Amino acid sequence: MFNLKDWSSVIRRCINGIIYPITSQIVYTICTI
């Protein structure tokens, strides 16, 4: 059985490592236009 808390930490790490830089770059690009 997998631990839900471990999965949430893994997902949060993926969001911080991949999604957050991309979204921040998009927001930065939109704001500088």
PDB file of N, CA and C in Angstrom:
ATOM      1  N   MET A   1       0.849  -1.205   0.000  1.00  0.00           N
ATOM      2  CA  MET A   1       0.000   0.000   0.000  1.00  0.00           C
ATOM      3  C   MET A   1       0.882   1.252   0.000  1.00  0.00           C
ATOM      4  N   PHE A   2       0.544   2.181  -0.864  1.00  0.00           N
ATOM      5  CA  PHE A   2       1.330   3.407  -0.936  1.00  0.00           C
ATOM      6  C   PHE A   2       0.841   4.409   0.110  1.00  0.00           C
ATOM      7  N   ASN A   3       1.738   5.262   0.530  1.00  0.00           N
ATOM      8  CA  ASN A   3       1.397   6.274   1.531  1.00  0.00           C
ATOM      9  C   ASN A   3       1.007   7.569   0.831  1.00  0.00           C
ATOM     10  N   LEU A   4      -0.163   8.073   1.155  1.00  0.00           N
ATOM     11  CA  LEU A   4      -0.684   9.253   0.476  1.00  0.00           C
ATOM     12  C   LEU A   4       0.175  10.484   0.758  1.00  0.00           C
ATOM     13  N   LYS A   5       0.721  10.551   1.960  1.00  0.00           N
ATOM     14  CA  LYS A   5       1.547  11.706   2.316  1.00  0.00           C
ATOM     15  C   LYS A   5       2.832  11.723   1.487  1.00  0.00           C
ATOM     16  N   ASP A   6       3.389  10.546   1.218  1.00  0.00           N
ATOM     17  CA  ASP A   6       4.588  10.484   0.382  1.00  0.00           C
ATOM     18  C   ASP A   6       4.279  10.933  -1.041  1.00  0.00           C
ATOM     19  N   TRP A   7       3.105  10.531  -1.542  1.00  0.00           N
ATOM     20  CA  TRP A   7       2.713  10.932  -2.891  1.00  0.00           C
ATOM     21  C   TRP A   7       2.506  12.433  -2.988  1.00  0.00           C
ATOM     22  N   SER A   8       1.897  13.030  -1.958  1.00  0.00           N
ATOM     23  CA  SER A   8       1.661  14.474  -1.985  1.00  0.00           C
ATOM     24  C   SER A   8       2.983  15.236  -1.972  1.00  0.00           C
ATOM     25  N   SER A   9       3.971  14.715  -1.244  1.00  0.00           N
ATOM     26  CA  SER A   9       5.267  15.370  -1.217  1.00  0.00           C
ATOM     27  C   SER A   9       5.980  15.232  -2.565  1.00  0.00           C
ATOM     28  N   VAL A  10       5.810  14.083  -3.202  1.00  0.00           N
ATOM     29  CA  VAL A  10       6.412  13.876  -4.524  1.00  0.00           C
ATOM     30  C   VAL A  10       5.759  14.791  -5.556  1.00  0.00           C
ATOM     31  N   ILE A  11       4.434  14.875  -5.506  1.00  0.00           N
ATOM     32  CA  ILE A  11       3.718  15.752  -6.438  1.00  0.00           C
ATOM     33  C   ILE A  11       4.113  17.207  -6.206  1.00  0.00           C
ATOM     34  N   ARG A  12       4.204  17.592  -4.938  1.00  0.00           N
ATOM     35  CA  ARG A  12       4.599  18.975  -4.632  1.00  0.00           C
ATOM     36  C   ARG A  12       6.009  19.255  -5.117  1.00  0.00           C
ATOM     37  N   ARG A  13       6.894  18.257  -5.019  1.00  0.00           N
ATOM     38  CA  ARG A  13       8.264  18.433  -5.501  1.00  0.00           C
ATOM     39  C   ARG A  13       8.288  18.574  -7.011  1.00  0.00           C
ATOM     40  N   CYS A  14       7.430  17.816  -7.690  1.00  0.00           N
ATOM     41  CA  CYS A  14       7.348  17.926  -9.144  1.00  0.00           C
ATOM     42  C   CYS A  14       6.804  19.282  -9.557  1.00  0.00           C
ATOM     43  N   ILE A  15       5.805  19.773  -8.819  1.00  0.00           N
ATOM     44  CA  ILE A  15       5.239  21.086  -9.125  1.00  0.00           C
ATOM     45  C   ILE A  15       6.293  22.168  -8.931  1.00  0.00           C
ATOM     46  N   ASN A  16       7.022  22.098  -7.834  1.00  0.00           N
ATOM     47  CA  ASN A  16       8.043  23.103  -7.553  1.00  0.00           C
ATOM     48  C   ASN A  16       9.199  23.019  -8.539  1.00  0.00           C
ATOM     49  N   GLY A  17       9.492  21.824  -9.026  1.00  0.00           N
ATOM     50  CA  GLY A  17      10.654  21.630  -9.885  1.00  0.00           C
ATOM     51  C   GLY A  17      10.379  21.858 -11.351  1.00  0.00           C
ATOM     52  N   ILE A  18       9.118  21.653 -11.779  1.00  0.00           N
ATOM     53  CA  ILE A  18       8.807  21.706 -13.209  1.00  0.00           C
ATOM     54  C   ILE A  18       7.764  22.768 -13.516  1.00  0.00           C
ATOM     55  N   ILE A  19       6.610  22.656 -12.865  1.00  0.00           N
ATOM     56  CA  ILE A  19       5.483  23.516 -13.226  1.00  0.00           C
ATOM     57  C   ILE A  19       5.715  24.959 -12.790  1.00  0.00           C
ATOM     58  N   TYR A  20       6.254  25.156 -11.588  1.00  0.00           N
ATOM     59  CA  TYR A  20       6.426  26.514 -11.070  1.00  0.00           C
ATOM     60  C   TYR A  20       7.372  27.365 -11.931  1.00  0.00           C
ATOM     61  N   PRO A  21       8.546  26.850 -12.341  1.00  0.00           N
ATOM     62  CA  PRO A  21       9.414  27.653 -13.211  1.00  0.00           C
ATOM     63  C   PRO A  21       8.754  28.001 -14.540  1.00  0.00           C
ATOM     64  N   ILE A  22       7.989  27.058 -15.115  1.00  0.00           N
ATOM     65  CA  ILE A  22       7.338  27.306 -16.401  1.00  0.00           C
ATOM     66  C   ILE A  22       6.259  28.384 -16.252  1.00  0.00           C
ATOM     67  N   THR A  23       5.417  28.250 -15.231  1.00  0.00           N
ATOM     68  CA  THR A  23       4.352  29.226 -15.044  1.00  0.00           C
ATOM     69  C   THR A  23       4.911  30.593 -14.691  1.00  0.00           C
ATOM     70  N   SER A  24       5.967  30.637 -13.891  1.00  0.00           N
ATOM     71  CA  SER A  24       6.573  31.916 -13.541  1.00  0.00           C
ATOM     72  C   SER A  24       7.197  32.564 -14.777  1.00  0.00           C
ATOM     73  N   GLN A  25       7.750  31.758 -15.665  1.00  0.00           N
ATOM     74  CA  GLN A  25       8.318  32.276 -16.914  1.00  0.00           C
ATOM     75  C   GLN A  25       7.222  32.835 -17.808  1.00  0.00           C
ATOM     76  N   ILE A  26       6.072  32.142 -17.856  1.00  0.00           N
ATOM     77  CA  ILE A  26       4.944  32.615 -18.651  1.00  0.00           C
ATOM     78  C   ILE A  26       4.414  33.937 -18.097  1.00  0.00           C
ATOM     79  N   VAL A  27       4.259  33.996 -16.776  1.00  0.00           N
ATOM     80  CA  VAL A  27       3.784  35.232 -16.147  1.00  0.00           C
ATOM     81  C   VAL A  27       4.773  36.362 -16.382  1.00  0.00           C
ATOM     82  N   TYR A  28       6.059  36.083 -16.285  1.00  0.00           N
ATOM     83  CA  TYR A  28       7.093  37.088 -16.516  1.00  0.00           C
ATOM     84  C   TYR A  28       7.034  37.595 -17.958  1.00  0.00           C
ATOM     85  N   THR A  29       6.836  36.665 -18.900  1.00  0.00           N
ATOM     86  CA  THR A  29       6.772  37.048 -20.305  1.00  0.00           C
ATOM     87  C   THR A  29       5.548  37.915 -20.576  1.00  0.00           C
ATOM     88  N   ILE A  30       4.396  37.547 -19.999  1.00  0.00           N
ATOM     89  CA  ILE A  30       3.171  38.320 -20.190  1.00  0.00           C
ATOM     90  C   ILE A  30       3.316  39.714 -19.572  1.00  0.00           C
ATOM     91  N   CYS A  31       3.933  39.782 -18.399  1.00  0.00           N
ATOM     92  CA  CYS A  31       4.058  41.066 -17.708  1.00  0.00           C
ATOM     93  C   CYS A  31       5.036  41.992 -18.421  1.00  0.00           C
ATOM     94  N   THR A  32       5.999  41.438 -19.149  1.00  0.00           N
ATOM     95  CA  THR A  32       6.989  42.281 -19.806  1.00  0.00           C
ATOM     96  C   THR A  32       6.540  42.713 -21.200  1.00  0.00           C
ATOM     97  N   ILE A  33       5.437  42.148 -21.693  1.00  0.00           N
ATOM     98  CA  ILE A  33       4.929  42.551 -23.008  1.00  0.00           C
ATOM     99  C   ILE A  33       4.259  43.915 -22.883  1.00  0.00           C
TER     100      ILE A  33
END
